[in-house]
């Protein structure tokens, strides 16, 4: 299957600003039922970082106690963290693909990083959309249909 990223990119994804409070990031991410990645953009629409559920959990310091995972902080402390930290404080460096890249590159990133989607950017690092596992699987099914 020789497909390029541009064939499967979707413009539906979660966008957050570097200055967004974590509470805003959580709300925006929770509203979109099909994504688990927030793309952190600057004012020019350039990808500056990404926020996965892992970064959100680290921000509120989820700790494992035996087989139980629970917040290290509870109640008002979590609310304080969500209102006092910003997207730029917890984002990871951006990982992305270009539209002309082969879909295999996006799959490799997803498998390596444990992502369900990967941002797609142009030559100036402006975000064009994301490629996600669902579009890849759907495309594969169509390809192999009799």
Foldseek 3Di string as FASTA:
>chain_A
DWDFQLVFFDADDAEDEQAAFLVVVVVSCVVDPPAQKYFYAYPVQAGFFMDGVVLVCVLQPFDDDPPDTDGPDDDPVSVCSRGVDGNNRRGDGADAAERGHTVVVQVVCCVVVVGQKHFYAYPVRRTDGIGGPVSVVVVVCVVPDD
